PDB file of N, CA and C in Angstrom:
ATOM      1  N   MET A   1       0.796  -1.189   0.000  1.00  0.00           N
ATOM      2  CA  MET A   1       0.000   0.000   0.000  1.00  0.00           C
ATOM      3  C   MET A   1       0.849   1.267   0.000  1.00  0.00           C
ATOM      4  N   ALA A   2       1.966   1.231   0.686  1.00  0.00           N
ATOM      5  CA  ALA A   2       2.810   2.416   0.774  1.00  0.00           C
ATOM      6  C   ALA A   2       3.350   2.793  -0.602  1.00  0.00           C
ATOM      7  N   GLY A   3       3.601   1.810  -1.441  1.00  0.00           N
ATOM      8  CA  GLY A   3       4.132   2.080  -2.769  1.00  0.00           C
ATOM      9  C   GLY A   3       3.142   2.780  -3.674  1.00  0.00           C
ATOM     10  N   SER A   4       1.865   2.467  -3.536  1.00  0.00           N
ATOM     11  CA  SER A   4       0.874   3.073  -4.417  1.00  0.00           C
ATOM     12  C   SER A   4       0.665   4.555  -4.114  1.00  0.00           C
ATOM     13  N   SER A   5       0.796   4.973  -2.850  1.00  0.00           N
ATOM     14  CA  SER A   5       0.654   6.394  -2.534  1.00  0.00           C
ATOM     15  C   SER A   5       1.849   7.168  -3.076  1.00  0.00           C
ATOM     16  N   ARG A   6       2.997   6.545  -3.091  1.00  0.00           N
ATOM     17  CA  ARG A   6       4.193   7.177  -3.653  1.00  0.00           C
ATOM     18  C   ARG A   6       4.008   7.399  -5.151  1.00  0.00           C
ATOM     19  N   THR A   7       3.394   6.429  -5.817  1.00  0.00           N
ATOM     20  CA  THR A   7       3.135   6.539  -7.245  1.00  0.00           C
ATOM     21  C   THR A   7       2.182   7.694  -7.528  1.00  0.00           C
ATOM     22  N   SER A   8       1.131   7.814  -6.729  1.00  0.00           N
ATOM     23  CA  SER A   8       0.166   8.904  -6.915  1.00  0.00           C
ATOM     24  C   SER A   8       0.835  10.255  -6.711  1.00  0.00           C
ATOM     25  N   PHE A   9       1.703  10.350  -5.699  1.00  0.00           N
ATOM     26  CA  PHE A   9       2.409  11.596  -5.428  1.00  0.00           C
ATOM     27  C   PHE A   9       3.299  11.972  -6.609  1.00  0.00           C
ATOM     28  N   THR A  10       3.999  11.005  -7.149  1.00  0.00           N
ATOM     29  CA  THR A  10       4.874  11.241  -8.303  1.00  0.00           C
ATOM     30  C   THR A  10       4.060  11.689  -9.512  1.00  0.00           C
ATOM     31  N   LYS A  11       2.918  11.056  -9.721  1.00  0.00           N
ATOM     32  CA  LYS A  11       2.059  11.443 -10.843  1.00  0.00           C
ATOM     33  C   LYS A  11       1.577  12.881 -10.689  1.00  0.00           C
ATOM     34  N   ARG A  12       1.201  13.257  -9.475  1.00  0.00           N
ATOM     35  CA  ARG A  12       0.741  14.629  -9.234  1.00  0.00           C
ATOM     36  C   ARG A  12       1.862  15.622  -9.501  1.00  0.00           C
ATOM     37  N   GLN A  13       3.072  15.288  -9.077  1.00  0.00           N
ATOM     38  CA  GLN A  13       4.219  16.166  -9.327  1.00  0.00           C
ATOM     39  C   GLN A  13       4.459  16.339 -10.821  1.00  0.00           C
ATOM     40  N   LYS A  14       4.425  15.233 -11.546  1.00  0.00           N
ATOM     41  CA  LYS A  14       4.663  15.297 -12.993  1.00  0.00           C
ATOM     42  C   LYS A  14       3.578  16.106 -13.684  1.00  0.00           C
ATOM     43  N   GLU A  15       2.322  15.910 -13.278  1.00  0.00           N
ATOM     44  CA  GLU A  15       1.217  16.647 -13.881  1.00  0.00           C
ATOM     45  C   GLU A  15       1.330  18.142 -13.582  1.00  0.00           C
ATOM     46  N   ARG A  16       1.677  18.471 -12.354  1.00  0.00           N
ATOM     47  CA  ARG A  16       1.849  19.883 -11.988  1.00  0.00           C
ATOM     48  C   ARG A  16       2.980  20.506 -12.808  1.00  0.00           C
ATOM     49  N   ALA A  17       4.076  19.798 -12.977  1.00  0.00           N
ATOM     50  CA  ALA A  17       5.204  20.300 -13.769  1.00  0.00           C
ATOM     51  C   ALA A  17       4.786  20.489 -15.224  1.00  0.00           C
ATOM     52  N   ARG A  18       3.996  19.563 -15.738  1.00  0.00           N
ATOM     53  CA  ARG A  18       3.523  19.679 -17.121  1.00  0.00           C
ATOM     54  C   ARG A  18       2.628  20.907 -17.279  1.00  0.00           C
ATOM     55  N   GLN A  19       1.736  21.142 -16.323  1.00  0.00           N
ATOM     56  CA  GLN A  19       0.838  22.295 -16.399  1.00  0.00           C
ATOM     57  C   GLN A  19       1.609  23.605 -16.295  1.00  0.00           C
ATOM     58  N   GLU A  20       2.617  23.657 -15.428  1.00  0.00           N
ATOM     59  CA  GLU A  20       3.433  24.869 -15.300  1.00  0.00           C
ATOM     60  C   GLU A  20       4.196  25.147 -16.590  1.00  0.00           C
ATOM     61  N   LYS A  21       4.754  24.104 -17.172  1.00  0.00           N
ATOM     62  CA  LYS A  21       5.493  24.268 -18.425  1.00  0.00           C
ATOM     63  C   LYS A  21       4.560  24.755 -19.536  1.00  0.00           C
ATOM     64  N   GLN A  22       3.346  24.213 -19.590  1.00  0.00           N
ATOM     65  CA  GLN A  22       2.371  24.625 -20.589  1.00  0.00           C
ATOM     66  C   GLN A  22       1.979  26.091 -20.395  1.00  0.00           C
ATOM     67  N   ALA A  23       1.797  26.519 -19.136  1.00  0.00           N
ATOM     68  CA  ALA A  23       1.435  27.908 -18.846  1.00  0.00           C
ATOM     69  C   ALA A  23       2.569  28.857 -19.233  1.00  0.00           C
ATOM     70  N   GLU A  24       3.813  28.471 -18.947  1.00  0.00           N
ATOM     71  CA  GLU A  24       4.957  29.300 -19.326  1.00  0.00           C
ATOM     72  C   GLU A  24       5.058  29.435 -20.841  1.00  0.00           C
ATOM     73  N   LYS A  25       4.813  28.344 -21.528  1.00  0.00           N
ATOM     74  CA  LYS A  25       4.871  28.356 -22.995  1.00  0.00           C
ATOM     75  C   LYS A  25       3.792  29.282 -23.560  1.00  0.00           C
ATOM     76  N   ALA A  26       2.579  29.214 -23.003  1.00  0.00           N
ATOM     77  CA  ALA A  26       1.494  30.082 -23.461  1.00  0.00           C
ATOM     78  C   ALA A  26       1.811  31.551 -23.187  1.00  0.00           C
ATOM     79  N   GLN A  27       2.447  31.817 -22.049  1.00  0.00           N
ATOM     80  CA  GLN A  27       2.822  33.183 -21.711  1.00  0.00           C
ATOM     81  C   GLN A  27       3.870  33.717 -22.686  1.00  0.00           C
ATOM     82  N   ARG A  28       4.871  32.898 -23.018  1.00  0.00           N
ATOM     83  CA  ARG A  28       5.898  33.325 -23.984  1.00  0.00           C
ATOM     84  C   ARG A  28       5.279  33.574 -25.356  1.00  0.00           C
ATOM     85  N   LYS A  29       4.334  32.717 -25.750  1.00  0.00           N
ATOM     86  CA  LYS A  29       3.670  32.887 -27.045  1.00  0.00           C
ATOM     87  C   LYS A  29       2.890  34.196 -27.076  1.00  0.00           C
ATOM     88  N   ALA A  30       2.168  34.505 -26.005  1.00  0.00           N
ATOM     89  CA  ALA A  30       1.399  35.746 -25.939  1.00  0.00           C
ATOM     90  C   ALA A  30       2.331  36.958 -25.969  1.00  0.00           C
ATOM     91  N   GLN A  31       3.479  36.849 -25.307  1.00  0.00           N
ATOM     92  CA  GLN A  31       4.428  37.951 -25.295  1.00  0.00           C
ATOM     93  C   GLN A  31       5.003  38.187 -26.692  1.00  0.00           C
ATOM     94  N   ARG A  32       5.352  37.118 -27.392  1.00  0.00           N
ATOM     95  CA  ARG A  32       5.871  37.264 -28.759  1.00  0.00           C
ATOM     96  C   ARG A  32       4.828  37.889 -29.671  1.00  0.00           C
ATOM     97  N   LYS A  33       3.579  37.467 -29.508  1.00  0.00           N
ATOM     98  CA  LYS A  33       2.504  37.995 -30.337  1.00  0.00           C
ATOM     99  C   LYS A  33       2.305  39.482 -30.068  1.00  0.00           C
ATOM    100  N   GLN A  34       2.420  39.883 -28.809  1.00  0.00           N
ATOM    101  CA  GLN A  34       2.254  41.286 -28.452  1.00  0.00           C
ATOM    102  C   GLN A  34       3.419  42.123 -28.989  1.00  0.00           C
ATOM    103  N   GLU A  35       4.630  41.612 -28.925  1.00  0.00           N
ATOM    104  CA  GLU A  35       5.803  42.334 -29.413  1.00  0.00           C
ATOM    105  C   GLU A  35       5.785  42.465 -30.928  1.00  0.00           C
ATOM    106  N   GLN A  36       5.189  41.507 -31.597  1.00  0.00           N
ATOM    107  CA  GLN A  36       5.171  41.506 -33.057  1.00  0.00           C
ATOM    108  C   GLN A  36       4.325  42.651 -33.595  1.00  0.00           C
ATOM    109  N   GLY A  37       3.290  43.043 -32.886  1.00  0.00           N
ATOM    110  CA  GLY A  37       2.443  44.141 -33.307  1.00  0.00           C
ATOM    111  C   GLY A  37       1.365  43.677 -34.266  1.00  0.00           C
ATOM    112  N   PRO A  38       0.592  44.644 -34.769  1.00  0.00           N
ATOM    113  CA  PRO A  38      -0.502  44.276 -35.672  1.00  0.00           C
ATOM    114  C   PRO A  38       0.026  43.767 -37.012  1.00  0.00           C
ATOM    115  N   PRO A  39      -0.706  42.877 -37.642  1.00  0.00           N
ATOM    116  CA  PRO A  39      -0.269  42.369 -38.948  1.00  0.00           C
ATOM    117  C   PRO A  39      -0.311  43.468 -40.010  1.00  0.00           C
ATOM    118  N   HIS A  40       0.516  43.304 -41.021  1.00  0.00           N
ATOM    119  CA  HIS A  40       0.570  44.264 -42.117  1.00  0.00           C
ATOM    120  C   HIS A  40      -0.723  44.211 -42.911  1.00  0.00           C
ATOM    121  N   GLU A  41      -1.357  45.350 -43.098  1.00  0.00           N
ATOM    122  CA  GLU A  41      -2.652  45.398 -43.777  1.00  0.00           C
ATOM    123  C   GLU A  41      -2.546  45.788 -45.247  1.00  0.00           C
ATOM    124  N   GLY A  42      -1.373  46.112 -45.718  1.00  0.00           N
ATOM    125  CA  GLY A  42      -1.217  46.486 -47.104  1.00  0.00           C
ATOM    126  C   GLY A  42      -1.330  47.990 -47.279  1.00  0.00           C
ATOM    127  N   PRO A  43      -1.437  48.431 -48.525  1.00  0.00           N
ATOM    128  CA  PRO A  43      -1.512  49.871 -48.765  1.00  0.00           C
ATOM    129  C   PRO A  43      -2.784  50.458 -48.160  1.00  0.00           C
ATOM    130  N   SER A  44      -2.664  51.683 -47.679  1.00  0.00           N
ATOM    131  CA  SER A  44      -3.810  52.305 -47.030  1.00  0.00           C
ATOM    132  C   SER A  44      -4.835  52.799 -48.045  1.00  0.00           C
ATOM    133  N   GLU A  45      -4.377  53.144 -49.249  1.00  0.00           N
ATOM    134  CA  GLU A  45      -5.319  53.681 -50.230  1.00  0.00           C
ATOM    135  C   GLU A  45      -4.854  53.336 -51.654  1.00  0.00           C
ATOM    136  N   LEU A  46      -5.761  52.855 -52.469  1.00  0.00           N
ATOM    137  CA  LEU A  46      -5.461  52.587 -53.865  1.00  0.00           C
ATOM    138  C   LEU A  46      -6.001  53.743 -54.708  1.00  0.00           C
ATOM    139  N   VAL A  47      -5.250  54.100 -55.738  1.00  0.00           N
ATOM    140  CA  VAL A  47      -5.663  55.179 -56.619  1.00  0.00           C
ATOM    141  C   VAL A  47      -6.396  54.564 -57.799  1.00  0.00           C
ATOM    142  N   ILE A  48      -7.610  55.023 -58.019  1.00  0.00           N
ATOM    143  CA  ILE A  48      -8.416  54.522 -59.138  1.00  0.00           C
ATOM    144  C   ILE A  48      -8.167  55.411 -60.343  1.00  0.00           C
ATOM    145  N   THR A  49      -7.747  54.791 -61.445  1.00  0.00           N
ATOM    146  CA  THR A  49      -7.509  55.532 -62.682  1.00  0.00           C
ATOM    147  C   THR A  49      -8.666  55.285 -63.640  1.00  0.00           C
ATOM    148  N   HIS A  50      -8.887  56.257 -64.509  1.00  0.00           N
ATOM    149  CA  HIS A  50      -9.982  56.171 -65.481  1.00  0.00           C
ATOM    150  C   HIS A  50      -9.418  56.284 -66.891  1.00  0.00           C
ATOM    151  N   ASP A  51     -10.089  55.644 -67.836  1.00  0.00           N
ATOM    152  CA  ASP A  51      -9.664  55.750 -69.230  1.00  0.00           C
ATOM    153  C   ASP A  51     -10.266  57.012 -69.858  1.00  0.00           C
ATOM    154  N   GLU A  52     -10.064  57.177 -71.183  1.00  0.00           N
ATOM    155  CA  GLU A  52     -10.519  58.382 -71.874  1.00  0.00           C
ATOM    156  C   GLU A  52     -12.038  58.562 -71.798  1.00  0.00           C
ATOM    157  N   GLU A  53     -12.767  57.479 -71.696  1.00  0.00           N
ATOM    158  CA  GLU A  53     -14.218  57.546 -71.665  1.00  0.00           C
ATOM    159  C   GLU A  53     -14.766  57.738 -70.249  1.00  0.00           C
ATOM    160  N   GLY A  54     -13.885  57.766 -69.254  1.00  0.00           N
ATOM    161  CA  GLY A  54     -14.318  57.964 -67.872  1.00  0.00           C
ATOM    162  C   GLY A  54     -14.623  56.679 -67.133  1.00  0.00           C
ATOM    163  N   ASN A  55     -14.350  55.553 -67.752  1.00  0.00           N
ATOM    164  CA  ASN A  55     -14.594  54.267 -67.090  1.00  0.00           C
ATOM    165  C   ASN A  55     -13.395  53.908 -66.215  1.00  0.00           C
ATOM    166  N   PRO A  56     -13.640  53.397 -65.034  1.00  0.00           N
ATOM    167  CA  PRO A  56     -12.510  53.021 -64.169  1.00  0.00           C
ATOM    168  C   PRO A  56     -11.755  51.832 -64.749  1.00  0.00           C
ATOM    169  N   GLN A  57     -10.431  51.889 -64.622  1.00  0.00           N
ATOM    170  CA  GLN A  57      -9.594  50.791 -65.089  1.00  0.00           C
ATOM    171  C   GLN A  57      -9.356  49.827 -63.928  1.00  0.00           C
ATOM    172  N   GLY A  58      -9.098  48.595 -64.259  1.00  0.00           N
ATOM    173  CA  GLY A  58      -8.843  47.593 -63.228  1.00  0.00           C
ATOM    174  C   GLY A  58      -7.460  47.740 -62.638  1.00  0.00           C
ATOM    175  N   PHE A  59      -7.247  47.082 -61.521  1.00  0.00           N
ATOM    176  CA  PHE A  59      -5.946  47.091 -60.868  1.00  0.00           C
ATOM    177  C   PHE A  59      -5.106  45.940 -61.399  1.00  0.00           C
ATOM    178  N   ASP A  60      -3.786  46.128 -61.391  1.00  0.00           N
ATOM    179  CA  ASP A  60      -2.893  45.023 -61.696  1.00  0.00           C
ATOM    180  C   ASP A  60      -1.931  44.842 -60.522  1.00  0.00           C
ATOM    181  N   PHE A  61      -1.002  43.920 -60.640  1.00  0.00           N
ATOM    182  CA  PHE A  61      -0.159  43.600 -59.489  1.00  0.00           C
ATOM    183  C   PHE A  61       0.768  44.734 -59.102  1.00  0.00           C
ATOM    184  N   HIS A  62       0.996  45.713 -59.950  1.00  0.00           N
ATOM    185  CA  HIS A  62       1.851  46.853 -59.613  1.00  0.00           C
ATOM    186  C   HIS A  62       1.161  47.795 -58.628  1.00  0.00           C
ATOM    187  N   ASP A  63      -0.151  47.747 -58.570  1.00  0.00           N
ATOM    188  CA  ASP A  63      -0.894  48.635 -57.672  1.00  0.00           C
ATOM    189  C   ASP A  63      -0.835  48.173 -56.227  1.00  0.00           C
ATOM    190  N   PHE A  64      -0.491  46.908 -56.009  1.00  0.00           N
ATOM    191  CA  PHE A  64      -0.434  46.361 -54.656  1.00  0.00           C
ATOM    192  C   PHE A  64       1.022  46.194 -54.238  1.00  0.00           C
ATOM    193  N   HIS A  65       1.383  46.775 -53.100  1.00  0.00           N
ATOM    194  CA  HIS A  65       2.780  46.721 -52.643  1.00  0.00           C
ATOM    195  C   HIS A  65       2.948  45.733 -51.549  1.00  0.00           C
TER     196      HIS A  65
END
């Protein structure tokens, strides 16, 4: 009987260590995400060009940076 309580104690220690490690990892991930800042959203404004008839022209890949 004495051996089984020792096993339970060891399991609790291992589980507690696993939970602490998981919490530390989540904290580091949140810190990295906060330091990284907001994601890049692209150009703030696109310029719409019109042809001779006044119709808007489409965008091509040069318009997006």
